[in-house]
PDB file of N, CA and C in Angstrom:
ATOM      1  N   UNK A   1      -1.819   4.157 -13.536  1.00  0.00           N
ATOM      2  CA  UNK A   1      -1.194   3.411 -12.386  1.00  0.00           C
ATOM      3  C   UNK A   1      -1.661   4.197 -11.072  1.00  0.00           C
ATOM      4  N   UNK A   2      -1.901   3.948  -9.773  1.00  0.00           N
ATOM      5  CA  UNK A   2      -2.132   4.989  -8.554  1.00  0.00           C
ATOM      6  C   UNK A   2      -0.092   4.958  -8.598  1.00  0.00           C
ATOM      7  N   UNK A   3      -0.021   5.431  -7.585  1.00  0.00           N
ATOM      8  CA  UNK A   3       1.683   4.618  -7.375  1.00  0.00           C
ATOM      9  C   UNK A   3       1.729   5.452  -5.702  1.00  0.00           C
ATOM     10  N   UNK A   4       1.648   4.438  -5.347  1.00  0.00           N
ATOM     11  CA  UNK A   4       2.358   5.093  -3.353  1.00  0.00           C
ATOM     12  C   UNK A   4       3.363   4.294  -3.226  1.00  0.00           C
ATOM     13  N   UNK A   5       4.895   5.995  -3.620  1.00  0.00           N
ATOM     14  CA  UNK A   5       5.911   6.001  -3.163  1.00  0.00           C
ATOM     15  C   UNK A   5       6.038   5.861  -1.786  1.00  0.00           C
ATOM     16  N   UNK A   6       6.763   4.643  -1.548  1.00  0.00           N
ATOM     17  CA  UNK A   6       7.518   4.435   0.023  1.00  0.00           C
ATOM     18  C   UNK A   6       6.158   3.664   0.600  1.00  0.00           C
ATOM     19  N   UNK A   7       6.252   2.784   1.455  1.00  0.00           N
ATOM     20  CA  UNK A   7       5.619   1.610   2.179  1.00  0.00           C
ATOM     21  C   UNK A   7       5.251   2.443   3.676  1.00  0.00           C
ATOM     22  N   UNK A   8       5.954   3.341   3.689  1.00  0.00           N
ATOM     23  CA  UNK A   8       5.707   3.963   5.109  1.00  0.00           C
ATOM     24  C   UNK A   8       6.691   5.244   5.154  1.00  0.00           C
ATOM     25  N   UNK A   9       5.341   6.364   5.430  1.00  0.00           N
ATOM     26  CA  UNK A   9       5.523   7.694   5.125  1.00  0.00           C
ATOM     27  C   UNK A   9       6.176   8.096   6.789  1.00  0.00           C
ATOM     28  N   UNK A  10       5.477   7.533   7.620  1.00  0.00           N
ATOM     29  CA  UNK A  10       6.019   7.937   9.251  1.00  0.00           C
ATOM     30  C   UNK A  10       5.961   7.340  10.042  1.00  0.00           C
ATOM     31  N   UNK A  11       6.830   7.172  10.634  1.00  0.00           N
ATOM     32  CA  UNK A  11       7.357   6.362  12.000  1.00  0.00           C
ATOM     33  C   UNK A  11       7.629   7.278  13.139  1.00  0.00           C
ATOM     34  N   UNK A  12       7.604   6.430  13.717  1.00  0.00           N
ATOM     35  CA  UNK A  12       6.958   7.484  15.374  1.00  0.00           C
ATOM     36  C   UNK A  12       7.027   8.759  15.365  1.00  0.00           C
ATOM     37  N   UNK A  13       5.969   8.528  14.602  1.00  0.00           N
ATOM     38  CA  UNK A  13       5.453  10.596  14.771  1.00  0.00           C
ATOM     39  C   UNK A  13       6.549  11.196  14.081  1.00  0.00           C
ATOM     40  N   UNK A  14       7.675  10.652  13.308  1.00  0.00           N
ATOM     41  CA  UNK A  14       8.240  11.568  12.384  1.00  0.00           C
ATOM     42  C   UNK A  14       8.342  10.953  11.184  1.00  0.00           C
ATOM     43  N   UNK A  15       8.263  12.256  10.059  1.00  0.00           N
ATOM     44  CA  UNK A  15       8.215  11.780   9.056  1.00  0.00           C
ATOM     45  C   UNK A  15       9.880  11.121   8.564  1.00  0.00           C
ATOM     46  N   UNK A  16       9.966  10.219   7.319  1.00  0.00           N
ATOM     47  CA  UNK A  16      10.546   9.496   6.712  1.00  0.00           C
ATOM     48  C   UNK A  16      11.230  10.698   5.637  1.00  0.00           C
ATOM     49  N   UNK A  17      12.742  11.044   5.504  1.00  0.00           N
ATOM     50  CA  UNK A  17      13.624  11.265   4.154  1.00  0.00           C
ATOM     51  C   UNK A  17      12.843  11.027   3.354  1.00  0.00           C
ATOM     52  N   UNK A  18      11.905  12.360   2.663  1.00  0.00           N
ATOM     53  CA  UNK A  18      11.647  12.362   1.326  1.00  0.00           C
ATOM     54  C   UNK A  18       9.931  11.859   1.099  1.00  0.00           C
ATOM     55  N   UNK A  19       9.705  11.925   2.333  1.00  0.00           N
ATOM     56  CA  UNK A  19       8.091  11.987   3.011  1.00  0.00           C
ATOM     57  C   UNK A  19       6.812  13.019   2.515  1.00  0.00           C
ATOM     58  N   UNK A  20       6.440  13.273   1.329  1.00  0.00           N
ATOM     59  CA  UNK A  20       5.116  14.672   1.207  1.00  0.00           C
ATOM     60  C   UNK A  20       4.046  15.201   1.620  1.00  0.00           C
ATOM     61  N   UNK A  21       4.347  13.541   2.657  1.00  0.00           N
ATOM     62  CA  UNK A  21       2.867  14.058   3.108  1.00  0.00           C
ATOM     63  C   UNK A  21       2.439  13.928   4.383  1.00  0.00           C
ATOM     64  N   UNK A  22       1.418  14.678   4.735  1.00  0.00           N
ATOM     65  CA  UNK A  22       1.172  14.506   6.139  1.00  0.00           C
ATOM     66  C   UNK A  22       0.848  12.486   6.654  1.00  0.00           C
ATOM     67  N   UNK A  23       0.616  12.171   8.011  1.00  0.00           N
ATOM     68  CA  UNK A  23       0.338  10.915   8.400  1.00  0.00           C
ATOM     69  C   UNK A  23      -1.560  11.305   7.985  1.00  0.00           C
ATOM     70  N   UNK A  24      -2.333  11.685   7.872  1.00  0.00           N
ATOM     71  CA  UNK A  24      -3.638  11.938   8.119  1.00  0.00           C
ATOM     72  C   UNK A  24      -4.163  12.378   6.788  1.00  0.00           C
ATOM     73  N   UNK A  25      -3.017  12.552   5.549  1.00  0.00           N
ATOM     74  CA  UNK A  25      -3.157  13.323   3.950  1.00  0.00           C
ATOM     75  C   UNK A  25      -3.738  12.474   3.852  1.00  0.00           C
ATOM     76  N   UNK A  26      -4.722  12.203   2.499  1.00  0.00           N
ATOM     77  CA  UNK A  26      -5.113  11.484   1.664  1.00  0.00           C
ATOM     78  C   UNK A  26      -4.036  11.183   0.608  1.00  0.00           C
ATOM     79  N   UNK A  27      -3.893   9.555   0.212  1.00  0.00           N
ATOM     80  CA  UNK A  27      -2.302  10.110  -0.112  1.00  0.00           C
ATOM     81  C   UNK A  27      -3.737  10.169  -1.897  1.00  0.00           C
ATOM     82  N   UNK A  28      -4.862  10.034  -2.385  1.00  0.00           N
ATOM     83  CA  UNK A  28      -5.567   9.987  -3.775  1.00  0.00           C
ATOM     84  C   UNK A  28      -6.711  10.076  -3.161  1.00  0.00           C
ATOM     85  N   UNK A  29      -8.197   9.957  -4.319  1.00  0.00           N
ATOM     86  CA  UNK A  29      -9.285   9.865  -4.102  1.00  0.00           C
ATOM     87  C   UNK A  29      -9.762   9.383  -5.268  1.00  0.00           C
ATOM     88  N   UNK A  30     -10.573   7.366  -4.887  1.00  0.00           N
ATOM     89  CA  UNK A  30     -10.338   7.004  -6.205  1.00  0.00           C
ATOM     90  C   UNK A  30     -12.326   7.117  -5.956  1.00  0.00           C
ATOM     91  N   UNK A  31     -12.643   6.791  -7.068  1.00  0.00           N
ATOM     92  CA  UNK A  31     -13.661   6.239  -7.647  1.00  0.00           C
ATOM     93  C   UNK A  31     -14.996   5.473  -7.077  1.00  0.00           C
ATOM     94  N   UNK A  32     -15.626   4.966  -7.173  1.00  0.00           N
ATOM     95  CA  UNK A  32     -16.812   3.545  -6.760  1.00  0.00           C
ATOM     96  C   UNK A  32     -16.715   3.057  -8.242  1.00  0.00           C
ATOM     97  N   UNK A  33     -16.813   1.716  -7.913  1.00  0.00           N
ATOM     98  CA  UNK A  33     -16.601   1.192  -8.783  1.00  0.00           C
ATOM     99  C   UNK A  33     -15.920   1.165 -10.381  1.00  0.00           C
ATOM    100  N   UNK A  34     -14.406   1.774  -9.516  1.00  0.00           N
ATOM    101  CA  UNK A  34     -13.435   1.633 -10.728  1.00  0.00           C
ATOM    102  C   UNK A  34     -12.532   1.481 -10.682  1.00  0.00           C
ATOM    103  N   UNK A  35     -11.726   0.619 -11.116  1.00  0.00           N
ATOM    104  CA  UNK A  35     -10.176  -0.103 -11.210  1.00  0.00           C
ATOM    105  C   UNK A  35      -9.195   0.851 -10.722  1.00  0.00           C
ATOM    106  N   UNK A  36      -8.318   0.439  -9.751  1.00  0.00           N
ATOM    107  CA  UNK A  36      -7.381   0.791 -10.109  1.00  0.00           C
ATOM    108  C   UNK A  36      -5.898   0.101  -9.793  1.00  0.00           C
ATOM    109  N   UNK A  37      -4.831   0.302 -10.116  1.00  0.00           N
ATOM    110  CA  UNK A  37      -4.058  -0.267  -9.683  1.00  0.00           C
ATOM    111  C   UNK A  37      -2.704   0.213  -8.942  1.00  0.00           C
ATOM    112  N   UNK A  38      -2.292   0.322  -7.612  1.00  0.00           N
ATOM    113  CA  UNK A  38      -1.517   0.869  -6.492  1.00  0.00           C
ATOM    114  C   UNK A  38       0.005  -0.290  -6.917  1.00  0.00           C
ATOM    115  N   UNK A  39       0.670   0.479  -6.978  1.00  0.00           N
ATOM    116  CA  UNK A  39       2.355  -0.170  -6.376  1.00  0.00           C
ATOM    117  C   UNK A  39       2.443   0.381  -5.170  1.00  0.00           C
ATOM    118  N   UNK A  40       2.888  -0.622  -3.999  1.00  0.00           N
ATOM    119  CA  UNK A  40       3.738  -0.856  -3.295  1.00  0.00           C
ATOM    120  C   UNK A  40       4.640  -0.715  -3.322  1.00  0.00           C
ATOM    121  N   UNK A  41       6.121  -0.008  -2.623  1.00  0.00           N
ATOM    122  CA  UNK A  41       7.169  -0.123  -3.098  1.00  0.00           C
ATOM    123  C   UNK A  41       7.835   0.345  -1.810  1.00  0.00           C
ATOM    124  N   UNK A  42       8.909  -0.697  -1.477  1.00  0.00           N
ATOM    125  CA  UNK A  42       9.468  -1.157   0.409  1.00  0.00           C
ATOM    126  C   UNK A  42      11.018  -0.656  -0.566  1.00  0.00           C
ATOM    127  N   UNK A  43      11.448   0.248  -0.145  1.00  0.00           N
ATOM    128  CA  UNK A  43      13.062   1.079  -0.059  1.00  0.00           C
ATOM    129  C   UNK A  43      13.566   0.851   1.282  1.00  0.00           C
ATOM    130  N   UNK A  44      12.692   0.388   2.156  1.00  0.00           N
ATOM    131  CA  UNK A  44      13.667  -0.473   3.363  1.00  0.00           C
ATOM    132  C   UNK A  44      14.333  -1.842   3.310  1.00  0.00           C
ATOM    133  N   UNK A  45      15.108  -2.074   4.563  1.00  0.00           N
ATOM    134  CA  UNK A  45      15.924  -2.979   4.518  1.00  0.00           C
ATOM    135  C   UNK A  45      14.849  -4.195   5.232  1.00  0.00           C
ATOM    136  N   UNK A  46      13.703  -4.397   5.422  1.00  0.00           N
ATOM    137  CA  UNK A  46      13.006  -4.681   5.897  1.00  0.00           C
ATOM    138  C   UNK A  46      11.659  -5.223   5.413  1.00  0.00           C
ATOM    139  N   UNK A  47      11.012  -6.171   5.407  1.00  0.00           N
ATOM    140  CA  UNK A  47       9.621  -6.476   4.962  1.00  0.00           C
ATOM    141  C   UNK A  47       8.243  -5.282   5.832  1.00  0.00           C
ATOM    142  N   UNK A  48       7.571  -5.448   4.653  1.00  0.00           N
ATOM    143  CA  UNK A  48       6.367  -4.703   5.602  1.00  0.00           C
ATOM    144  C   UNK A  48       5.140  -5.157   5.239  1.00  0.00           C
ATOM    145  N   UNK A  49       4.302  -5.875   6.204  1.00  0.00           N
ATOM    146  CA  UNK A  49       2.928  -5.850   5.855  1.00  0.00           C
ATOM    147  C   UNK A  49       1.907  -5.290   5.456  1.00  0.00           C
ATOM    148  N   UNK A  50       1.758  -4.463   3.977  1.00  0.00           N
ATOM    149  CA  UNK A  50       0.725  -3.171   4.284  1.00  0.00           C
ATOM    150  C   UNK A  50      -0.663  -3.634   3.695  1.00  0.00           C
ATOM    151  N   UNK A  51      -1.855  -2.715   4.686  1.00  0.00           N
ATOM    152  CA  UNK A  51      -2.560  -3.594   4.862  1.00  0.00           C
ATOM    153  C   UNK A  51      -3.814  -1.763   4.412  1.00  0.00           C
ATOM    154  N   UNK A  52      -4.906  -2.521   4.327  1.00  0.00           N
ATOM    155  CA  UNK A  52      -5.788  -1.466   3.725  1.00  0.00           C
ATOM    156  C   UNK A  52      -7.454  -1.960   4.187  1.00  0.00           C
ATOM    157  N   UNK A  53      -7.499  -1.096   5.184  1.00  0.00           N
ATOM    158  CA  UNK A  53      -8.608  -1.569   5.995  1.00  0.00           C
ATOM    159  C   UNK A  53      -9.690  -1.266   4.636  1.00  0.00           C
ATOM    160  N   UNK A  54     -10.944  -1.742   5.268  1.00  0.00           N
ATOM    161  CA  UNK A  54     -12.765  -2.111   4.554  1.00  0.00           C
ATOM    162  C   UNK A  54     -12.584  -1.596   3.031  1.00  0.00           C
ATOM    163  N   UNK A  55     -11.165  -2.802   2.889  1.00  0.00           N
ATOM    164  CA  UNK A  55     -10.853  -2.965   1.186  1.00  0.00           C
ATOM    165  C   UNK A  55      -9.981  -3.945   1.114  1.00  0.00           C
ATOM    166  N   UNK A  56     -10.876  -5.306   0.241  1.00  0.00           N
ATOM    167  CA  UNK A  56      -9.735  -5.878  -0.659  1.00  0.00           C
ATOM    168  C   UNK A  56      -9.006  -5.791  -1.958  1.00  0.00           C
ATOM    169  N   UNK A  57      -8.094  -5.861  -2.393  1.00  0.00           N
ATOM    170  CA  UNK A  57      -7.405  -5.973  -3.314  1.00  0.00           C
ATOM    171  C   UNK A  57      -6.914  -7.109  -4.196  1.00  0.00           C
ATOM    172  N   UNK A  58      -6.440  -6.999  -5.002  1.00  0.00           N
ATOM    173  CA  UNK A  58      -5.983  -8.841  -5.910  1.00  0.00           C
ATOM    174  C   UNK A  58      -4.174  -8.120  -6.315  1.00  0.00           C
ATOM    175  N   UNK A  59      -3.710  -9.066  -5.603  1.00  0.00           N
ATOM    176  CA  UNK A  59      -2.004  -9.066  -6.069  1.00  0.00           C
ATOM    177  C   UNK A  59      -1.670  -9.637  -7.837  1.00  0.00           C
ATOM    178  N   UNK A  60      -1.396  -8.737  -7.499  1.00  0.00           N
ATOM    179  CA  UNK A  60      -0.196  -8.788  -9.526  1.00  0.00           C
ATOM    180  C   UNK A  60       0.043  -9.487  -9.679  1.00  0.00           C
ATOM    181  N   UNK A  61       1.641  -8.648  -9.475  1.00  0.00           N
ATOM    182  CA  UNK A  61       3.181  -8.878  -9.679  1.00  0.00           C
ATOM    183  C   UNK A  61       4.114  -8.413  -9.149  1.00  0.00           C
ATOM    184  N   UNK A  62       5.080  -9.278  -8.910  1.00  0.00           N
ATOM    185  CA  UNK A  62       6.576  -8.242  -7.911  1.00  0.00           C
ATOM    186  C   UNK A  62       7.453  -8.231  -8.921  1.00  0.00           C
ATOM    187  N   UNK A  63       8.270  -7.215  -8.435  1.00  0.00           N
ATOM    188  CA  UNK A  63       9.573  -7.252  -9.658  1.00  0.00           C
ATOM    189  C   UNK A  63      10.462  -8.498  -8.825  1.00  0.00           C
ATOM    190  N   UNK A  64       9.832  -8.809  -7.642  1.00  0.00           N
ATOM    191  CA  UNK A  64      11.395  -9.952  -7.291  1.00  0.00           C
ATOM    192  C   UNK A  64      10.787 -11.761  -7.199  1.00  0.00           C
ATOM    193  N   UNK A  65       9.345 -12.038  -7.347  1.00  0.00           N
ATOM    194  CA  UNK A  65       9.051 -13.138  -6.744  1.00  0.00           C
ATOM    195  C   UNK A  65       7.737 -13.554  -7.773  1.00  0.00           C
ATOM    196  N   UNK A  66       7.445 -14.287  -8.000  1.00  0.00           N
ATOM    197  CA  UNK A  66       5.724 -14.533  -8.008  1.00  0.00           C
ATOM    198  C   UNK A  66       4.680 -14.623  -7.057  1.00  0.00           C
ATOM    199  N   UNK A  67       3.606 -14.550  -7.389  1.00  0.00           N
ATOM    200  CA  UNK A  67       2.743 -14.011  -6.569  1.00  0.00           C
ATOM    201  C   UNK A  67       0.782 -14.194  -7.001  1.00  0.00           C
ATOM    202  N   UNK A  68       1.002 -15.536  -6.308  1.00  0.00           N
ATOM    203  CA  UNK A  68      -0.108 -15.938  -6.451  1.00  0.00           C
ATOM    204  C   UNK A  68      -1.898 -15.123  -6.705  1.00  0.00           C
ATOM    205  N   UNK A  69      -2.537 -15.118  -7.726  1.00  0.00           N
ATOM    206  CA  UNK A  69      -3.287 -13.788  -7.960  1.00  0.00           C
ATOM    207  C   UNK A  69      -4.533 -14.064  -6.449  1.00  0.00           C
ATOM    208  N   UNK A  70      -3.835 -13.637  -5.606  1.00  0.00           N
ATOM    209  CA  UNK A  70      -5.069 -13.901  -4.337  1.00  0.00           C
ATOM    210  C   UNK A  70      -5.854 -12.638  -4.407  1.00  0.00           C
ATOM    211  N   UNK A  71      -6.445 -12.675  -3.796  1.00  0.00           N
ATOM    212  CA  UNK A  71      -7.746 -11.195  -3.216  1.00  0.00           C
ATOM    213  C   UNK A  71      -7.563 -11.561  -1.927  1.00  0.00           C
ATOM    214  N   UNK A  72      -6.652 -10.565  -0.823  1.00  0.00           N
ATOM    215  CA  UNK A  72      -6.281 -10.038   0.262  1.00  0.00           C
ATOM    216  C   UNK A  72      -6.344  -8.767   0.910  1.00  0.00           C
ATOM    217  N   UNK A  73      -6.493  -8.639   1.977  1.00  0.00           N
ATOM    218  CA  UNK A  73      -6.215  -7.128   2.365  1.00  0.00           C
ATOM    219  C   UNK A  73      -4.746  -6.837   2.853  1.00  0.00           C
ATOM    220  N   UNK A  74      -3.773  -7.345   2.542  1.00  0.00           N
ATOM    221  CA  UNK A  74      -2.804  -6.894   3.513  1.00  0.00           C
ATOM    222  C   UNK A  74      -1.298  -8.182   2.012  1.00  0.00           C
ATOM    223  N   UNK A  75      -0.388  -6.860   1.968  1.00  0.00           N
ATOM    224  CA  UNK A  75       0.579  -7.844   0.725  1.00  0.00           C
ATOM    225  C   UNK A  75       1.634  -7.619   2.203  1.00  0.00           C
ATOM    226  N   UNK A  76       2.487  -8.458   1.788  1.00  0.00           N
ATOM    227  CA  UNK A  76       3.812  -8.768   2.278  1.00  0.00           C
ATOM    228  C   UNK A  76       4.942  -8.025   1.505  1.00  0.00           C
ATOM    229  N   UNK A  77       5.254  -6.806   1.679  1.00  0.00           N
ATOM    230  CA  UNK A  77       6.172  -6.441   1.120  1.00  0.00           C
ATOM    231  C   UNK A  77       7.718  -6.765   1.565  1.00  0.00           C
ATOM    232  N   UNK A  78       8.917  -6.863   0.394  1.00  0.00           N
ATOM    233  CA  UNK A  78       9.795  -7.801   0.832  1.00  0.00           C
ATOM    234  C   UNK A  78      10.916  -6.647   0.610  1.00  0.00           C
ATOM    235  N   UNK A  79      12.246  -6.555   0.953  1.00  0.00           N
ATOM    236  CA  UNK A  79      12.749  -5.107   0.634  1.00  0.00           C
ATOM    237  C   UNK A  79      13.166  -5.204  -0.358  1.00  0.00           C
ATOM    238  N   UNK A  80      13.077  -3.806  -0.595  1.00  0.00           N
ATOM    239  CA  UNK A  80      13.522  -3.234  -2.163  1.00  0.00           C
ATOM    240  C   UNK A  80      12.840  -4.241  -3.258  1.00  0.00           C
ATOM    241  N   UNK A  81      10.886  -4.282  -3.079  1.00  0.00           N
ATOM    242  CA  UNK A  81      10.619  -4.916  -3.703  1.00  0.00           C
ATOM    243  C   UNK A  81       9.381  -4.086  -4.390  1.00  0.00           C
ATOM    244  N   UNK A  82       8.901  -4.486  -4.941  1.00  0.00           N
ATOM    245  CA  UNK A  82       7.540  -3.459  -5.720  1.00  0.00           C
ATOM    246  C   UNK A  82       6.566  -4.677  -5.815  1.00  0.00           C
ATOM    247  N   UNK A  83       5.187  -4.113  -5.947  1.00  0.00           N
ATOM    248  CA  UNK A  83       4.152  -4.710  -5.615  1.00  0.00           C
ATOM    249  C   UNK A  83       2.916  -4.287  -5.889  1.00  0.00           C
ATOM    250  N   UNK A  84       2.417  -4.778  -7.238  1.00  0.00           N
ATOM    251  CA  UNK A  84       1.136  -4.121  -7.693  1.00  0.00           C
ATOM    252  C   UNK A  84       0.113  -4.771  -7.496  1.00  0.00           C
ATOM    253  N   UNK A  85      -0.633  -4.058  -6.626  1.00  0.00           N
ATOM    254  CA  UNK A  85      -2.331  -4.856  -6.205  1.00  0.00           C
ATOM    255  C   UNK A  85      -3.808  -4.186  -7.523  1.00  0.00           C
ATOM    256  N   UNK A  86      -4.531  -4.850  -7.462  1.00  0.00           N
ATOM    257  CA  UNK A  86      -5.583  -4.390  -8.467  1.00  0.00           C
ATOM    258  C   UNK A  86      -6.658  -3.749  -7.340  1.00  0.00           C
ATOM    259  N   UNK A  87      -7.273  -2.984  -7.410  1.00  0.00           N
ATOM    260  CA  UNK A  87      -8.101  -2.253  -6.528  1.00  0.00           C
ATOM    261  C   UNK A  87      -9.956  -1.691  -7.526  1.00  0.00           C
ATOM    262  N   UNK A  88     -10.685  -2.837  -6.626  1.00  0.00           N
ATOM    263  CA  UNK A  88     -11.577  -2.200  -7.032  1.00  0.00           C
ATOM    264  C   UNK A  88     -13.278  -1.364  -5.789  1.00  0.00           C
ATOM    265  N   UNK A  89     -12.848  -0.249  -5.842  1.00  0.00           N
ATOM    266  CA  UNK A  89     -14.009  -0.064  -4.664  1.00  0.00           C
ATOM    267  C   UNK A  89     -15.447   0.082  -4.692  1.00  0.00           C
ATOM    268  N   UNK A  90     -16.175  -0.480  -3.966  1.00  0.00           N
ATOM    269  CA  UNK A  90     -17.682  -1.112  -3.766  1.00  0.00           C
ATOM    270  C   UNK A  90     -18.580  -0.029  -3.032  1.00  0.00           C
ATOM    271  N   UNK A  91     -17.745   0.677  -2.142  1.00  0.00           N
ATOM    272  CA  UNK A  91     -18.448   1.721  -1.943  1.00  0.00           C
ATOM    273  C   UNK A  91     -17.542   3.445  -1.375  1.00  0.00           C
ATOM    274  N   UNK A  92     -18.003   4.475  -1.497  1.00  0.00           N
ATOM    275  CA  UNK A  92     -16.944   5.433  -1.159  1.00  0.00           C
ATOM    276  C   UNK A  92     -17.048   5.274   0.236  1.00  0.00           C
ATOM    277  N   UNK A  93     -15.850   6.236   0.951  1.00  0.00           N
ATOM    278  CA  UNK A  93     -15.566   6.343   2.334  1.00  0.00           C
ATOM    279  C   UNK A  93     -14.423   6.702   2.108  1.00  0.00           C
ATOM    280  N   UNK A  94     -13.697   6.134   3.141  1.00  0.00           N
ATOM    281  CA  UNK A  94     -12.062   7.078   4.025  1.00  0.00           C
ATOM    282  C   UNK A  94     -11.247   5.153   4.193  1.00  0.00           C
ATOM    283  N   UNK A  95     -10.041   4.404   3.599  1.00  0.00           N
ATOM    284  CA  UNK A  95      -9.526   3.499   3.666  1.00  0.00           C
ATOM    285  C   UNK A  95      -8.212   4.563   4.727  1.00  0.00           C
ATOM    286  N   UNK A  96      -7.945   3.542   5.377  1.00  0.00           N
ATOM    287  CA  UNK A  96      -7.134   3.716   6.234  1.00  0.00           C
ATOM    288  C   UNK A  96      -6.117   2.459   5.964  1.00  0.00           C
ATOM    289  N   UNK A  97      -4.313   2.726   5.156  1.00  0.00           N
ATOM    290  CA  UNK A  97      -3.432   2.203   3.803  1.00  0.00           C
ATOM    291  C   UNK A  97      -2.368   2.300   5.622  1.00  0.00           C
ATOM    292  N   UNK A  98      -1.775   1.136   5.920  1.00  0.00           N
ATOM    293  CA  UNK A  98      -0.678   1.620   6.902  1.00  0.00           C
ATOM    294  C   UNK A  98       0.104  -0.060   6.879  1.00  0.00           C
ATOM    295  N   UNK A  99       1.332  -0.378   7.778  1.00  0.00           N
ATOM    296  CA  UNK A  99       2.041  -1.587   7.540  1.00  0.00           C
ATOM    297  C   UNK A  99       1.694  -1.889   9.044  1.00  0.00           C
ATOM    298  N   UNK A 100       1.598  -3.255   8.866  1.00  0.00           N
ATOM    299  CA  UNK A 100       0.795  -4.169  10.595  1.00  0.00           C
ATOM    300  C   UNK A 100       2.067  -4.153  11.426  1.00  0.00           C
ATOM    301  N   UNK A 101       2.994  -3.604  11.166  1.00  0.00           N
ATOM    302  CA  UNK A 101       3.917  -3.485  12.113  1.00  0.00           C
ATOM    303  C   UNK A 101       3.789  -2.841  13.201  1.00  0.00           C
ATOM    304  N   UNK A 102       3.804  -3.225  14.115  1.00  0.00           N
ATOM    305  CA  UNK A 102       2.641  -2.454  15.210  1.00  0.00           C
ATOM    306  C   UNK A 102       3.710  -1.059  15.839  1.00  0.00           C
ATOM    307  N   UNK A 103       5.324  -0.641  15.675  1.00  0.00           N
ATOM    308  CA  UNK A 103       6.318   0.021  15.902  1.00  0.00           C
ATOM    309  C   UNK A 103       6.082   0.747  14.972  1.00  0.00           C
ATOM    310  N   UNK A 104       5.433   0.713  13.487  1.00  0.00           N
ATOM    311  CA  UNK A 104       4.824   1.623  12.901  1.00  0.00           C
ATOM    312  C   UNK A 104       3.898   2.445  13.034  1.00  0.00           C
TER     313      UNK A 104
END
């Protein structure tokens, strides 16, 4: 399982406490046509719509609620929620993952 610890690594150009990477550093390298499970973990008191550009993923499960197994490019991650999603890149490239709240 590929784990993304903390949904937001930076806010307003400042690293959040405990962030280990810069905003442009790769989280991981994915291989084409290989399946992965990501876990989005929200440790904040706010909901975050997490989006991956150029890729869709399937919602798998949450520690807080039932999820329909839809394919999407955005997952709403509630406060203190862990959401697992399935990803299968069909081409090589760079993908940007971010929160869709404009202030972030």
